[in-house]
């Protein structure tokens, strides 16, 4: 599947890893429909940068934690595709998410429900509802976390939700196989963004400690992850399916 003229849908594409993914795909000629939750101004910046990088992009509002809004969002995607001169899109990146610093002993039912809605229920139902608009032979990348493999204090809700995403991805790959849709997982390690209140980016002590436990000696950046996602969507990776790729510089080997 040639990437030029293809269309990707990236949730959470206005910042961090999602933003870099949109721009990496634009450089390859891939048009994007990116979503944002609250910050329309940042989403508009990404749209502008994607155009400068080589491919148009459109920003749509979406809260992945509110499944009741998905039917309306899918209708907006269908309308946007028509405006782009297409009936279907080629790639889906389930990237949008929120952080949780809840420990096992202190986590509340509300916190558990919120993380479940955003990280598991959201990607599950959204992918399901978008399938009629995806091409046969398309590709899906779900974003997990290194925290699904190793434990870190204060991530007792977030980490297990990402582990569930990894299990879901294998089932998706199996059941979508007849349509030749591949499903893979990218699991970033600590990334210097505004995620989790900018904990990795803005706290030197945290960054130093994480770097000390990483084989390559530093924390990651969005620019380390976006190219991996873009590559997984390319034809060169057409025979990779149901795999988890950790992009973490070798943390906690």
Protein backbone atom coordinates (compact mmCIF):
# COMPACT_ATOMS: atom_id res chain seq x y z
CA UNK A 1 0.00 0.00 0.00
CA UNK A 2 1.74 3.24 -1.08
CA UNK A 3 1.72 5.83 1.68
CA UNK A 4 1.34 8.81 -0.62
CA UNK A 5 -2.31 9.81 -0.94
CA UNK A 6 -3.16 7.59 2.05
CA UNK A 7 -5.13 8.92 5.00
CA UNK A 8 -4.41 8.30 8.69
CA UNK A 9 -6.61 8.94 11.69
CA UNK A 10 -4.59 9.76 14.80
CA UNK A 11 -6.31 10.32 18.13
CA UNK A 12 -4.60 12.77 20.44
CA UNK A 13 -2.72 14.26 17.50
CA UNK A 14 -2.40 17.80 18.84
CA UNK A 15 0.55 17.21 21.15
CA UNK A 16 3.39 14.90 22.13
CA UNK A 17 3.73 11.58 20.37
CA UNK A 18 0.54 12.06 18.38
CA UNK A 19 1.74 15.40 17.07
CA UNK A 20 5.07 13.98 15.96
CA UNK A 21 3.30 11.06 14.29
CA UNK A 22 1.13 13.40 12.24
CA UNK A 23 4.19 15.32 11.07
CA UNK A 24 6.22 12.19 10.28
CA UNK A 25 3.35 10.87 8.20
CA UNK A 26 2.93 14.22 6.46
CA UNK A 27 6.57 14.07 5.39
CA UNK A 28 5.73 10.73 3.75
CA UNK A 29 2.76 12.26 1.93
CA UNK A 30 0.11 10.83 4.24
CA UNK A 31 -2.88 13.06 4.96
CA UNK A 32 -4.23 13.00 8.49
CA UNK A 33 -7.39 13.41 10.46
CA UNK A 34 -6.14 14.23 13.93
CA UNK A 35 -8.17 14.62 17.08
CA UNK A 36 -7.87 16.95 20.02
CA UNK A 37 -9.85 17.17 23.24
CA UNK A 38 -9.59 20.73 24.58
CA UNK A 39 -6.76 22.63 22.89
CA UNK A 40 -7.97 23.63 19.43
CA UNK A 41 -5.17 26.18 19.04
CA UNK A 42 -2.47 23.50 19.32
CA UNK A 43 -4.40 21.25 16.94
CA UNK A 44 -4.54 24.08 14.40
CA UNK A 45 -0.77 24.50 14.69
CA UNK A 46 -0.27 20.83 13.86
CA UNK A 47 -2.60 21.15 10.87
CA UNK A 48 -0.51 24.06 9.62
CA UNK A 49 2.79 22.25 10.18
CA UNK A 50 1.49 19.12 8.45
CA UNK A 51 0.61 21.18 5.40
CA UNK A 52 4.10 22.67 5.39
CA UNK A 53 5.59 19.18 5.75
CA UNK A 54 3.81 17.93 2.66
CA UNK A 55 0.28 16.75 3.34
CA UNK A 56 -3.02 18.35 4.40
CA UNK A 57 -4.51 17.54 7.79
CA UNK A 58 -7.86 18.16 9.47
CA UNK A 59 -8.48 18.48 13.22
CA UNK A 60 -11.65 17.09 14.81
CA UNK A 61 -12.70 17.31 18.45
CA UNK A 62 -12.96 14.02 20.34
CA UNK A 63 -12.98 12.89 23.95
CA UNK A 64 -12.03 9.20 23.81
CA UNK A 65 -13.42 8.76 27.30
CA UNK A 66 -16.96 9.54 26.16
CA UNK A 67 -18.16 6.61 24.09
CA UNK A 68 -21.60 8.17 23.68
CA UNK A 69 -20.02 10.75 21.37
CA UNK A 70 -18.48 8.21 19.00
CA UNK A 71 -21.40 7.93 16.58
CA UNK A 72 -21.31 11.68 16.03
CA UNK A 73 -17.54 11.59 15.63
CA UNK A 74 -17.74 8.82 13.04
CA UNK A 75 -20.25 10.92 11.10
CA UNK A 76 -17.77 13.81 11.19
CA UNK A 77 -15.01 11.52 9.93
CA UNK A 78 -17.23 10.34 7.08
CA UNK A 79 -17.99 13.94 6.13
CA UNK A 80 -14.31 14.88 6.36
CA UNK A 81 -13.31 11.98 4.13
CA UNK A 82 -15.81 13.15 1.53
CA UNK A 83 -14.27 16.61 1.63
CA UNK A 84 -10.86 14.97 1.15
CA UNK A 85 -12.16 13.15 -1.91
CA UNK A 86 -12.12 9.74 -0.25
CA UNK A 87 -14.55 7.15 1.07
CA UNK A 88 -12.19 5.34 3.42
CA UNK A 89 -9.06 5.93 5.46
CA UNK A 90 -6.01 3.65 5.61
CA UNK A 91 -4.42 3.88 9.05
CA UNK A 92 -5.67 4.23 12.61
CA UNK A 93 -3.45 5.23 15.53
CA UNK A 94 -5.15 4.94 18.92
CA UNK A 95 -2.87 7.34 20.76
CA UNK A 96 -5.03 9.62 22.93
CA UNK A 97 -4.78 9.02 26.66
CA UNK A 98 -4.59 10.48 30.12
CA UNK A 99 -2.27 9.75 32.99
CA UNK A 100 -2.98 8.40 36.45
CA UNK A 101 -0.72 8.50 39.48
CA UNK A 102 -3.06 6.41 41.62
CA UNK A 103 -1.56 3.66 43.75
CA UNK A 104 -3.30 0.34 44.26
CA UNK A 105 -4.18 1.06 47.87
CA UNK A 106 -5.49 4.58 47.20
CA UNK A 107 -7.14 4.27 43.78
CA UNK A 108 -10.84 5.04 43.75
CA UNK A 109 -13.57 3.44 41.68
CA UNK A 110 -13.98 6.72 39.81
CA UNK A 111 -10.28 6.78 38.89
CA UNK A 112 -10.46 3.17 37.74
CA UNK A 113 -13.53 3.87 35.63
CA UNK A 114 -11.95 6.97 34.06
CA UNK A 115 -8.80 5.13 33.01
CA UNK A 116 -10.83 2.20 31.71
CA UNK A 117 -13.01 4.54 29.63
CA UNK A 118 -10.04 6.34 28.09
CA UNK A 119 -7.52 3.55 27.59
CA UNK A 120 -9.55 0.41 26.94
CA UNK A 121 -13.23 1.04 26.32
CA UNK A 122 -12.47 4.07 24.14
CA UNK A 123 -10.03 2.42 21.70
CA UNK A 124 -12.13 -0.76 21.67
CA UNK A 125 -15.43 0.89 20.73
CA UNK A 126 -13.94 3.65 18.57
CA UNK A 127 -11.98 1.17 16.46
CA UNK A 128 -15.09 -0.97 16.17
CA UNK A 129 -17.21 1.94 14.96
CA UNK A 130 -14.55 3.17 12.54
CA UNK A 131 -14.03 -0.20 10.84
CA UNK A 132 -16.63 0.42 8.11
CA UNK A 133 -14.60 3.48 7.07
CA UNK A 134 -11.25 1.64 6.97
CA UNK A 135 -9.88 0.07 3.81
CA UNK A 136 -9.25 -3.64 3.64
CA UNK A 137 -5.52 -4.09 4.06
CA UNK A 138 -5.31 -1.12 6.40
CA UNK A 139 -3.20 -0.86 9.54
CA UNK A 140 -3.86 -0.09 13.18
CA UNK A 141 -1.32 0.91 15.81
CA UNK A 142 -2.41 0.97 19.44
CA UNK A 143 -0.28 2.87 21.92
CA UNK A 144 0.63 1.07 25.12
CA UNK A 145 3.41 1.84 27.60
CA UNK A 146 6.57 0.35 29.02
CA UNK A 147 4.56 0.27 32.23
CA UNK A 148 2.66 -2.72 30.88
CA UNK A 149 5.95 -4.68 31.15
CA UNK A 150 7.57 -3.28 34.29
CA UNK A 151 6.07 -1.80 37.44
CA UNK A 152 6.56 1.75 38.66
CA UNK A 153 5.12 3.14 41.89
CA UNK A 154 1.94 5.12 41.38
CA UNK A 155 0.95 3.53 38.08
CA UNK A 156 -1.19 0.68 39.41
CA UNK A 157 -4.21 1.76 37.36
CA UNK A 158 -2.54 3.12 34.23
CA UNK A 159 -0.09 0.24 33.68
CA UNK A 160 -2.65 -2.58 33.84
CA UNK A 161 -4.96 -0.68 31.47
CA UNK A 162 -2.14 -0.55 28.93
CA UNK A 163 -1.51 -4.26 29.43
CA UNK A 164 -5.17 -4.79 28.54
CA UNK A 165 -4.64 -2.77 25.36
CA UNK A 166 -1.84 -5.12 24.39
CA UNK A 167 -4.04 -8.18 24.86
CA UNK A 168 -6.85 -6.48 22.92
CA UNK A 169 -4.47 -5.78 20.05
CA UNK A 170 -3.69 -9.46 19.60
CA UNK A 171 -7.39 -10.29 19.45
CA UNK A 172 -7.98 -7.45 16.99
CA UNK A 173 -5.17 -8.74 14.78
CA UNK A 174 -6.69 -12.22 14.78
CA UNK A 175 -10.26 -11.17 14.09
CA UNK A 176 -9.42 -8.48 11.53
CA UNK A 177 -7.10 -10.82 9.64
CA UNK A 178 -9.78 -11.76 7.07
CA UNK A 179 -9.83 -8.09 6.03
CA UNK A 180 -6.01 -8.05 5.93
CA UNK A 181 -5.92 -5.33 8.60
CA UNK A 182 -2.80 -5.63 10.73
CA UNK A 183 -2.75 -4.50 14.34
CA UNK A 184 0.43 -3.75 16.27
CA UNK A 185 1.40 -2.08 19.53
CA UNK A 186 3.97 0.63 20.20
CA UNK A 187 4.92 0.89 23.86
CA UNK A 188 6.86 4.07 24.65
CA UNK A 189 9.03 4.39 27.72
CA UNK A 190 9.34 7.65 29.65
CA UNK A 191 8.88 10.52 27.19
CA UNK A 192 9.61 14.19 27.83
CA UNK A 193 6.19 15.72 27.10
CA UNK A 194 3.43 17.43 29.08
CA UNK A 195 1.93 14.00 29.80
CA UNK A 196 1.43 13.27 33.50
CA UNK A 197 1.83 16.95 34.27
CA UNK A 198 5.21 17.09 32.52
CA UNK A 199 6.73 14.81 35.17
CA UNK A 200 9.48 13.44 32.90
CA UNK A 201 10.06 16.65 30.98
CA UNK A 202 10.04 19.17 33.84
CA UNK A 203 11.42 17.29 36.85
CA UNK A 204 15.22 16.94 36.55
CA UNK A 205 15.45 14.42 39.38
CA UNK A 206 12.85 12.16 37.82
CA UNK A 207 14.51 12.44 34.43
CA UNK A 208 17.92 11.63 35.89
CA UNK A 209 16.63 8.58 37.73
CA UNK A 210 14.87 7.24 34.65
CA UNK A 211 17.91 7.86 32.47
CA UNK A 212 20.06 5.95 34.95
CA UNK A 213 17.89 2.88 34.40
CA UNK A 214 17.91 3.17 30.60
CA UNK A 215 20.62 1.45 28.57
CA UNK A 216 20.97 4.39 26.17
CA UNK A 217 21.29 6.81 29.09
CA UNK A 218 18.46 9.31 28.58
CA UNK A 219 14.70 9.68 28.56
CA UNK A 220 12.84 9.64 25.30
CA UNK A 221 11.32 12.41 23.18
CA UNK A 222 8.29 12.40 20.86
CA UNK A 223 10.73 12.46 17.95
CA UNK A 224 11.96 9.02 19.07
CA UNK A 225 8.50 7.47 18.84
CA UNK A 226 6.69 9.14 15.95
CA UNK A 227 9.01 7.66 13.30
CA UNK A 228 8.44 4.16 14.66
CA UNK A 229 4.67 4.54 14.39
CA UNK A 230 4.97 5.96 10.89
CA UNK A 231 7.25 3.12 9.86
CA UNK A 232 4.84 0.48 11.19
CA UNK A 233 2.18 1.94 8.94
CA UNK A 234 4.41 1.72 5.88
CA UNK A 235 4.50 -1.07 3.32
CA UNK A 236 7.92 -2.16 4.56
CA UNK A 237 6.20 -3.50 7.70
CA UNK A 238 3.30 -5.17 5.88
CA UNK A 239 4.13 -8.62 7.29
CA UNK A 240 4.45 -7.48 10.90
CA UNK A 241 1.27 -8.22 12.80
CA UNK A 242 0.15 -8.69 16.43
CA UNK A 243 3.52 -7.47 17.71
CA UNK A 244 4.53 -5.22 20.60
CA UNK A 245 7.44 -2.86 19.96
CA UNK A 246 8.81 -1.10 23.02
CA UNK A 247 10.39 2.25 22.15
CA UNK A 248 12.18 3.01 25.37
CA UNK A 249 15.92 3.08 24.85
CA UNK A 250 16.31 -0.12 26.84
CA UNK A 251 14.76 0.82 30.19
CA UNK A 252 14.71 -1.85 32.90
CA UNK A 253 16.17 -4.51 30.62
